[in-house]
Amino acid sequence: MLPILKSRIVPSVTRFLDDDWSSLFDWNNQGFPNQSMTVPSTNVKETDNEFIIEMAAPGMKKEDFQVEINNDVLTIKSENKVENEDQIEGNFTRREFSYQSFQRSFTLNNKAVDDSKIKANYKEGILQLLIPKKEEAKVKPTRQIQIK
């Protein structure tokens, strides 16, 4: 099923992302020990001039994210630690700790994208990354050649 997905639905995205979809996306959330931990949904779009990654992460702040690129791998990370404590007269009645984190990585095609000009924005629960294409990777419009 995965090769069909790659070839029929998103053929142009494979130029931008790694060809091995099974290692790119963890479709089953495997490797995460806590069932309540989720990896935010991610959309990847391609326009004539750029690739757009949108990650749904409502309730977070832009300070909660770390976005980095290293050896053509774009990584989006987040960690959130919460400690709730209810006290009555100095005695603990209830104390709860919560720790959530996620990490998503995307392999960039350094021949197609200009990683020095990546921009990130977080607004209304959506983290958006704009990854510009290099001039040579942009789709050229059809041009008619006149016959003499």
N, C-alpha and C. Protein backbone atom coordinates (compact mmCIF):
# COMPACT_ATOMS: atom_id res chain seq x y z
N MET A 1 0.82 -1.19 0.00
CA MET A 1 0.00 0.00 0.00
C MET A 1 0.86 1.26 0.00
N LEU A 2 1.95 1.28 0.71
CA LEU A 2 2.79 2.46 0.78
C LEU A 2 3.37 2.87 -0.57
N PRO A 3 3.87 1.94 -1.42
CA PRO A 3 4.36 2.37 -2.73
C PRO A 3 3.28 3.02 -3.58
N ILE A 4 2.03 2.55 -3.45
CA ILE A 4 0.94 3.17 -4.20
C ILE A 4 0.73 4.59 -3.70
N LEU A 5 0.73 4.77 -2.39
CA LEU A 5 0.57 6.10 -1.82
C LEU A 5 1.64 7.03 -2.35
N LYS A 6 2.86 6.54 -2.37
CA LYS A 6 3.98 7.38 -2.79
C LYS A 6 3.87 7.74 -4.27
N SER A 7 3.49 6.82 -5.11
CA SER A 7 3.53 7.08 -6.53
C SER A 7 2.27 7.76 -7.06
N ARG A 8 1.13 7.51 -6.45
CA ARG A 8 -0.10 8.08 -6.99
C ARG A 8 -0.51 9.39 -6.33
N ILE A 9 -0.37 9.49 -5.04
CA ILE A 9 -0.89 10.65 -4.34
C ILE A 9 0.13 11.78 -4.26
N VAL A 10 1.36 11.47 -3.94
CA VAL A 10 2.33 12.52 -3.70
C VAL A 10 3.63 12.30 -4.48
N PRO A 11 3.58 12.18 -5.79
CA PRO A 11 4.81 11.89 -6.51
C PRO A 11 5.83 13.03 -6.44
N SER A 12 5.37 14.27 -6.42
CA SER A 12 6.33 15.37 -6.42
C SER A 12 6.96 15.60 -5.06
N VAL A 13 6.28 15.19 -4.01
CA VAL A 13 6.83 15.39 -2.67
C VAL A 13 8.06 14.51 -2.46
N THR A 14 8.16 13.40 -3.18
CA THR A 14 9.30 12.52 -2.98
C THR A 14 10.61 13.18 -3.40
N ARG A 15 10.53 14.19 -4.26
CA ARG A 15 11.76 14.93 -4.60
C ARG A 15 12.25 15.69 -3.38
N PHE A 16 11.33 16.13 -2.54
CA PHE A 16 11.64 16.93 -1.37
C PHE A 16 11.98 16.05 -0.17
N LEU A 17 11.22 15.01 -0.01
CA LEU A 17 11.38 14.15 1.15
C LEU A 17 12.12 12.88 0.77
N ASP A 18 12.54 12.18 1.77
CA ASP A 18 13.21 10.92 1.59
C ASP A 18 12.29 9.94 0.86
N ASP A 19 12.83 9.08 0.01
CA ASP A 19 12.03 8.11 -0.73
C ASP A 19 11.50 6.99 0.14
N ASP A 20 12.04 6.78 1.30
CA ASP A 20 11.63 5.70 2.17
C ASP A 20 10.55 6.20 3.13
N TRP A 21 9.31 6.13 2.72
CA TRP A 21 8.19 6.66 3.52
C TRP A 21 8.03 5.92 4.83
N SER A 22 8.36 4.63 4.86
CA SER A 22 8.16 3.88 6.10
C SER A 22 9.07 4.37 7.21
N SER A 23 10.25 4.85 6.88
CA SER A 23 11.12 5.38 7.93
C SER A 23 10.87 6.85 8.18
N LEU A 24 10.23 7.52 7.23
CA LEU A 24 9.98 8.95 7.37
C LEU A 24 8.84 9.22 8.34
N PHE A 25 7.76 8.46 8.21
CA PHE A 25 6.61 8.64 9.06
C PHE A 25 6.37 7.38 9.86
N ASP A 26 6.15 7.53 11.15
CA ASP A 26 5.82 6.40 12.00
C ASP A 26 4.30 6.31 12.05
N TRP A 27 3.73 5.60 11.08
CA TRP A 27 2.27 5.57 10.91
C TRP A 27 1.55 4.97 12.10
N ASN A 28 2.19 4.10 12.86
CA ASN A 28 1.52 3.42 13.96
C ASN A 28 1.90 3.96 15.32
N ASN A 29 2.64 5.06 15.38
CA ASN A 29 3.08 5.63 16.65
C ASN A 29 3.95 4.64 17.42
N GLN A 30 4.63 3.75 16.74
CA GLN A 30 5.48 2.78 17.40
C GLN A 30 6.67 3.49 18.03
N GLY A 31 7.17 2.91 19.08
CA GLY A 31 8.32 3.49 19.75
C GLY A 31 7.95 4.49 20.82
N PHE A 32 6.66 4.73 21.01
CA PHE A 32 6.22 5.62 22.06
C PHE A 32 5.56 4.79 23.14
N PRO A 33 6.14 4.73 24.34
CA PRO A 33 5.65 3.84 25.37
C PRO A 33 4.30 4.24 25.96
N ASN A 34 3.97 5.50 25.96
CA ASN A 34 2.76 5.98 26.60
C ASN A 34 1.66 6.14 25.56
N GLN A 35 0.54 5.47 25.73
CA GLN A 35 -0.55 5.54 24.77
C GLN A 35 -1.14 6.93 24.68
N SER A 36 -1.07 7.74 25.74
CA SER A 36 -1.65 9.07 25.71
C SER A 36 -0.76 10.06 24.95
N MET A 37 0.45 9.67 24.65
CA MET A 37 1.36 10.54 23.92
C MET A 37 1.04 10.46 22.43
N THR A 38 0.92 11.59 21.81
CA THR A 38 0.61 11.61 20.39
C THR A 38 1.63 12.44 19.64
N VAL A 39 1.78 12.12 18.39
CA VAL A 39 2.63 12.90 17.50
C VAL A 39 1.68 13.77 16.68
N PRO A 40 1.86 15.08 16.68
CA PRO A 40 0.93 15.94 15.96
C PRO A 40 0.84 15.58 14.47
N SER A 41 -0.36 15.73 13.95
CA SER A 41 -0.58 15.50 12.52
C SER A 41 0.19 16.53 11.71
N THR A 42 0.70 16.08 10.57
CA THR A 42 1.52 16.95 9.73
C THR A 42 1.06 16.87 8.29
N ASN A 43 0.89 18.03 7.67
CA ASN A 43 0.59 18.12 6.24
C ASN A 43 1.82 18.65 5.53
N VAL A 44 2.09 18.10 4.34
CA VAL A 44 3.17 18.61 3.50
C VAL A 44 2.54 19.00 2.18
N LYS A 45 2.71 20.27 1.81
CA LYS A 45 2.17 20.78 0.55
C LYS A 45 3.32 21.26 -0.31
N GLU A 46 3.11 21.23 -1.61
CA GLU A 46 4.09 21.77 -2.55
C GLU A 46 3.42 22.83 -3.41
N THR A 47 4.06 23.98 -3.53
CA THR A 47 3.62 25.01 -4.45
C THR A 47 4.71 25.16 -5.51
N ASP A 48 4.54 26.09 -6.42
CA ASP A 48 5.55 26.31 -7.45
C ASP A 48 6.88 26.77 -6.86
N ASN A 49 6.83 27.49 -5.73
CA ASN A 49 8.03 28.11 -5.19
C ASN A 49 8.55 27.52 -3.89
N GLU A 50 7.75 26.70 -3.22
CA GLU A 50 8.17 26.23 -1.90
C GLU A 50 7.41 24.97 -1.49
N PHE A 51 7.91 24.37 -0.41
CA PHE A 51 7.22 23.30 0.28
C PHE A 51 6.72 23.89 1.60
N ILE A 52 5.55 23.46 2.02
CA ILE A 52 4.96 23.97 3.25
C ILE A 52 4.66 22.78 4.16
N ILE A 53 5.21 22.82 5.35
CA ILE A 53 4.90 21.81 6.36
C ILE A 53 4.02 22.49 7.39
N GLU A 54 2.86 21.88 7.67
CA GLU A 54 1.96 22.39 8.69
C GLU A 54 1.75 21.30 9.72
N MET A 55 1.96 21.65 10.98
CA MET A 55 1.81 20.70 12.08
C MET A 55 0.76 21.22 13.04
N ALA A 56 -0.28 20.41 13.28
CA ALA A 56 -1.33 20.78 14.21
C ALA A 56 -0.86 20.55 15.63
N ALA A 57 -0.75 21.62 16.41
CA ALA A 57 -0.29 21.52 17.79
C ALA A 57 -1.02 22.55 18.65
N PRO A 58 -2.34 22.39 18.79
CA PRO A 58 -3.11 23.37 19.57
C PRO A 58 -2.72 23.34 21.05
N GLY A 59 -2.85 24.50 21.67
CA GLY A 59 -2.58 24.60 23.11
C GLY A 59 -1.12 24.79 23.44
N MET A 60 -0.26 24.80 22.44
CA MET A 60 1.16 24.99 22.69
C MET A 60 1.53 26.45 22.43
N LYS A 61 2.73 26.81 22.82
CA LYS A 61 3.27 28.14 22.54
C LYS A 61 4.48 27.97 21.62
N LYS A 62 4.84 29.02 20.92
CA LYS A 62 5.98 28.91 20.01
C LYS A 62 7.26 28.57 20.75
N GLU A 63 7.34 28.94 22.03
CA GLU A 63 8.52 28.62 22.84
C GLU A 63 8.63 27.13 23.13
N ASP A 64 7.53 26.38 22.95
CA ASP A 64 7.54 24.95 23.22
C ASP A 64 8.23 24.15 22.11
N PHE A 65 8.50 24.77 20.97
CA PHE A 65 9.07 24.07 19.82
C PHE A 65 10.55 24.36 19.66
N GLN A 66 11.24 23.39 19.11
CA GLN A 66 12.62 23.58 18.67
C GLN A 66 12.68 23.01 17.24
N VAL A 67 13.08 23.85 16.30
CA VAL A 67 13.20 23.44 14.90
C VAL A 67 14.66 23.60 14.51
N GLU A 68 15.24 22.52 13.99
CA GLU A 68 16.64 22.58 13.60
C GLU A 68 16.88 21.78 12.33
N ILE A 69 17.97 22.10 11.66
CA ILE A 69 18.37 21.34 10.48
C ILE A 69 19.82 20.92 10.68
N ASN A 70 20.08 19.63 10.41
CA ASN A 70 21.42 19.09 10.57
C ASN A 70 21.62 18.01 9.51
N ASN A 71 22.62 18.20 8.67
CA ASN A 71 22.93 17.23 7.60
C ASN A 71 21.70 16.88 6.77
N ASP A 72 20.99 17.90 6.30
CA ASP A 72 19.81 17.75 5.44
C ASP A 72 18.63 17.09 6.13
N VAL A 73 18.62 17.03 7.45
CA VAL A 73 17.48 16.49 8.18
C VAL A 73 16.86 17.62 9.00
N LEU A 74 15.60 17.92 8.68
CA LEU A 74 14.84 18.93 9.40
C LEU A 74 14.11 18.24 10.54
N THR A 75 14.32 18.72 11.77
CA THR A 75 13.72 18.09 12.94
C THR A 75 12.90 19.11 13.70
N ILE A 76 11.68 18.71 14.06
CA ILE A 76 10.79 19.52 14.88
C ILE A 76 10.61 18.76 16.19
N LYS A 77 10.93 19.43 17.30
CA LYS A 77 10.86 18.81 18.63
C LYS A 77 10.01 19.67 19.56
N SER A 78 9.45 19.01 20.56
CA SER A 78 8.77 19.73 21.62
C SER A 78 8.84 18.91 22.90
N GLU A 79 9.00 19.61 24.01
CA GLU A 79 8.95 19.00 25.34
C GLU A 79 8.06 19.86 26.21
N ASN A 80 7.23 19.20 26.99
CA ASN A 80 6.34 19.93 27.88
C ASN A 80 6.31 19.20 29.21
N LYS A 81 6.74 19.89 30.27
CA LYS A 81 6.74 19.32 31.62
C LYS A 81 5.75 20.12 32.46
N VAL A 82 4.86 19.42 33.14
CA VAL A 82 3.86 20.07 33.98
C VAL A 82 3.86 19.40 35.34
N GLU A 83 3.81 20.20 36.40
CA GLU A 83 3.72 19.68 37.76
C GLU A 83 2.56 20.38 38.44
N ASN A 84 1.54 19.63 38.78
CA ASN A 84 0.38 20.17 39.49
C ASN A 84 0.43 19.71 40.93
N GLU A 85 0.10 20.62 41.83
CA GLU A 85 0.20 20.31 43.24
C GLU A 85 -0.96 20.97 43.99
N ASP A 86 -1.74 20.19 44.70
CA ASP A 86 -2.81 20.71 45.56
C ASP A 86 -2.37 20.51 47.00
N GLN A 87 -2.35 21.61 47.79
CA GLN A 87 -1.90 21.51 49.18
C GLN A 87 -2.97 22.02 50.13
N ILE A 88 -3.02 21.40 51.27
CA ILE A 88 -3.86 21.88 52.37
C ILE A 88 -2.98 21.93 53.61
N GLU A 89 -2.77 23.11 54.17
CA GLU A 89 -1.98 23.34 55.38
C GLU A 89 -0.62 22.66 55.33
N GLY A 90 0.08 22.79 54.20
CA GLY A 90 1.42 22.27 54.09
C GLY A 90 1.52 20.79 53.78
N ASN A 91 0.44 20.05 53.83
CA ASN A 91 0.46 18.63 53.49
C ASN A 91 0.06 18.45 52.03
N PHE A 92 0.70 17.52 51.39
CA PHE A 92 0.33 17.22 50.01
C PHE A 92 -0.95 16.39 50.01
N THR A 93 -1.94 16.86 49.28
CA THR A 93 -3.13 16.05 49.10
C THR A 93 -3.11 15.36 47.74
N ARG A 94 -2.50 15.99 46.81
CA ARG A 94 -2.35 15.39 45.49
C ARG A 94 -1.20 16.10 44.76
N ARG A 95 -0.39 15.30 44.09
CA ARG A 95 0.72 15.85 43.32
C ARG A 95 0.82 15.04 42.04
N GLU A 96 0.76 15.72 40.91
CA GLU A 96 0.80 15.04 39.62
C GLU A 96 1.91 15.63 38.76
N PHE A 97 2.63 14.75 38.09
CA PHE A 97 3.66 15.14 37.16
C PHE A 97 3.24 14.70 35.76
N SER A 98 3.57 15.49 34.79
CA SER A 98 3.26 15.12 33.41
C SER A 98 4.44 15.54 32.54
N TYR A 99 4.82 14.67 31.66
CA TYR A 99 5.90 14.97 30.73
C TYR A 99 5.49 14.46 29.36
N GLN A 100 5.46 15.34 28.39
CA GLN A 100 5.13 14.94 27.03
C GLN A 100 6.18 15.51 26.09
N SER A 101 6.53 14.71 25.10
CA SER A 101 7.46 15.20 24.09
C SER A 101 7.18 14.49 22.78
N PHE A 102 7.61 15.11 21.71
CA PHE A 102 7.55 14.46 20.41
C PHE A 102 8.69 14.99 19.56
N GLN A 103 8.96 14.26 18.51
CA GLN A 103 9.98 14.66 17.55
C GLN A 103 9.57 14.12 16.19
N ARG A 104 9.60 14.97 15.18
CA ARG A 104 9.35 14.56 13.80
C ARG A 104 10.54 15.02 12.98
N SER A 105 11.02 14.17 12.09
CA SER A 105 12.17 14.50 11.25
C SER A 105 11.81 14.27 9.79
N PHE A 106 12.35 15.13 8.93
CA PHE A 106 12.13 15.06 7.49
C PHE A 106 13.48 15.20 6.79
N THR A 107 13.77 14.29 5.91
CA THR A 107 15.01 14.36 5.14
C THR A 107 14.77 15.27 3.94
N LEU A 108 15.56 16.33 3.85
CA LEU A 108 15.43 17.29 2.76
C LEU A 108 16.32 16.90 1.59
N ASN A 109 15.87 17.20 0.42
CA ASN A 109 16.68 17.01 -0.78
C ASN A 109 17.44 18.31 -0.99
N ASN A 110 18.73 18.31 -0.69
CA ASN A 110 19.51 19.54 -0.76
C ASN A 110 19.67 20.08 -2.17
N LYS A 111 19.33 19.28 -3.18
CA LYS A 111 19.36 19.77 -4.56
C LYS A 111 18.09 20.52 -4.91
N ALA A 112 17.02 20.30 -4.14
CA ALA A 112 15.73 20.90 -4.46
C ALA A 112 15.37 22.08 -3.56
N VAL A 113 15.87 22.10 -2.32
CA VAL A 113 15.45 23.15 -1.39
C VAL A 113 16.62 23.99 -0.91
N ASP A 114 16.29 25.23 -0.53
CA ASP A 114 17.28 26.15 0.00
C ASP A 114 17.09 26.20 1.52
N ASP A 115 17.81 25.33 2.24
CA ASP A 115 17.59 25.22 3.68
C ASP A 115 18.05 26.45 4.47
N SER A 116 18.81 27.33 3.85
CA SER A 116 19.26 28.54 4.55
C SER A 116 18.15 29.59 4.65
N LYS A 117 17.04 29.39 3.93
CA LYS A 117 15.95 30.37 3.93
C LYS A 117 14.65 29.82 4.50
N ILE A 118 14.73 28.74 5.29
CA ILE A 118 13.53 28.17 5.90
C ILE A 118 12.99 29.14 6.95
N LYS A 119 11.67 29.32 6.94
CA LYS A 119 11.00 30.19 7.91
C LYS A 119 9.97 29.38 8.67
N ALA A 120 9.79 29.70 9.96
CA ALA A 120 8.80 29.01 10.79
C ALA A 120 7.89 30.04 11.45
N ASN A 121 6.61 29.67 11.58
CA ASN A 121 5.62 30.55 12.19
C ASN A 121 4.63 29.68 12.97
N TYR A 122 4.24 30.14 14.16
CA TYR A 122 3.23 29.42 14.94
C TYR A 122 2.08 30.38 15.20
N LYS A 123 0.88 29.97 14.73
CA LYS A 123 -0.29 30.82 14.89
C LYS A 123 -1.53 29.94 14.99
N GLU A 124 -2.37 30.23 15.99
CA GLU A 124 -3.65 29.56 16.17
C GLU A 124 -3.55 28.03 16.14
N GLY A 125 -2.53 27.49 16.83
CA GLY A 125 -2.40 26.05 16.96
C GLY A 125 -1.73 25.34 15.81
N ILE A 126 -1.22 26.07 14.84
CA ILE A 126 -0.57 25.47 13.67
C ILE A 126 0.87 25.99 13.58
N LEU A 127 1.82 25.05 13.59
CA LEU A 127 3.21 25.39 13.31
C LEU A 127 3.40 25.23 11.81
N GLN A 128 3.84 26.29 11.15
CA GLN A 128 4.02 26.26 9.69
C GLN A 128 5.47 26.56 9.35
N LEU A 129 6.06 25.69 8.52
CA LEU A 129 7.41 25.90 8.02
C LEU A 129 7.34 26.11 6.51
N LEU A 130 7.98 27.16 6.05
CA LEU A 130 8.06 27.46 4.62
C LEU A 130 9.48 27.14 4.17
N ILE A 131 9.58 26.20 3.22
CA ILE A 131 10.88 25.74 2.75
C ILE A 131 10.99 26.08 1.27
N PRO A 132 11.73 27.14 0.94
CA PRO A 132 11.80 27.57 -0.45
C PRO A 132 12.57 26.60 -1.34
N LYS A 133 12.12 26.52 -2.58
CA LYS A 133 12.81 25.70 -3.57
C LYS A 133 13.97 26.49 -4.17
N LYS A 134 14.99 25.78 -4.59
CA LYS A 134 16.05 26.40 -5.35
C LYS A 134 15.51 26.69 -6.75
N GLU A 135 16.06 27.68 -7.40
CA GLU A 135 15.60 28.07 -8.74
C GLU A 135 15.59 26.89 -9.70
N GLU A 136 16.64 26.10 -9.67
CA GLU A 136 16.75 24.98 -10.61
C GLU A 136 15.74 23.86 -10.32
N ALA A 137 15.11 23.87 -9.15
CA ALA A 137 14.14 22.83 -8.82
C ALA A 137 12.70 23.26 -9.09
N LYS A 138 12.49 24.54 -9.36
CA LYS A 138 11.14 25.03 -9.63
C LYS A 138 10.65 24.51 -10.97
N VAL A 139 9.37 24.22 -11.02
CA VAL A 139 8.76 23.74 -12.26
C VAL A 139 8.67 24.91 -13.24
N LYS A 140 9.18 24.68 -14.40
CA LYS A 140 9.16 25.72 -15.43
C LYS A 140 7.84 25.62 -16.20
N PRO A 141 7.23 26.76 -16.52
CA PRO A 141 5.98 26.72 -17.27
C PRO A 141 6.22 26.20 -18.69
N THR A 142 5.17 25.64 -19.26
CA THR A 142 5.25 25.15 -20.63
C THR A 142 5.51 26.33 -21.56
N ARG A 143 6.40 26.12 -22.48
CA ARG A 143 6.76 27.20 -23.42
C ARG A 143 6.60 26.66 -24.83
N GLN A 144 5.91 27.41 -25.64
CA GLN A 144 5.71 27.03 -27.03
C GLN A 144 6.93 27.46 -27.85
N ILE A 145 7.36 26.56 -28.70
CA ILE A 145 8.49 26.87 -29.58
C ILE A 145 7.96 27.04 -30.99
N GLN A 146 8.26 28.20 -31.52
CA GLN A 146 7.76 28.51 -32.86
C GLN A 146 8.56 27.74 -33.93
N ILE A 147 7.83 27.18 -34.88
CA ILE A 147 8.46 26.43 -35.97
C ILE A 147 8.64 27.38 -37.13
N LYS A 148 9.85 27.43 -37.70
CA LYS A 148 10.13 28.34 -38.81
C LYS A 148 10.15 27.58 -40.11
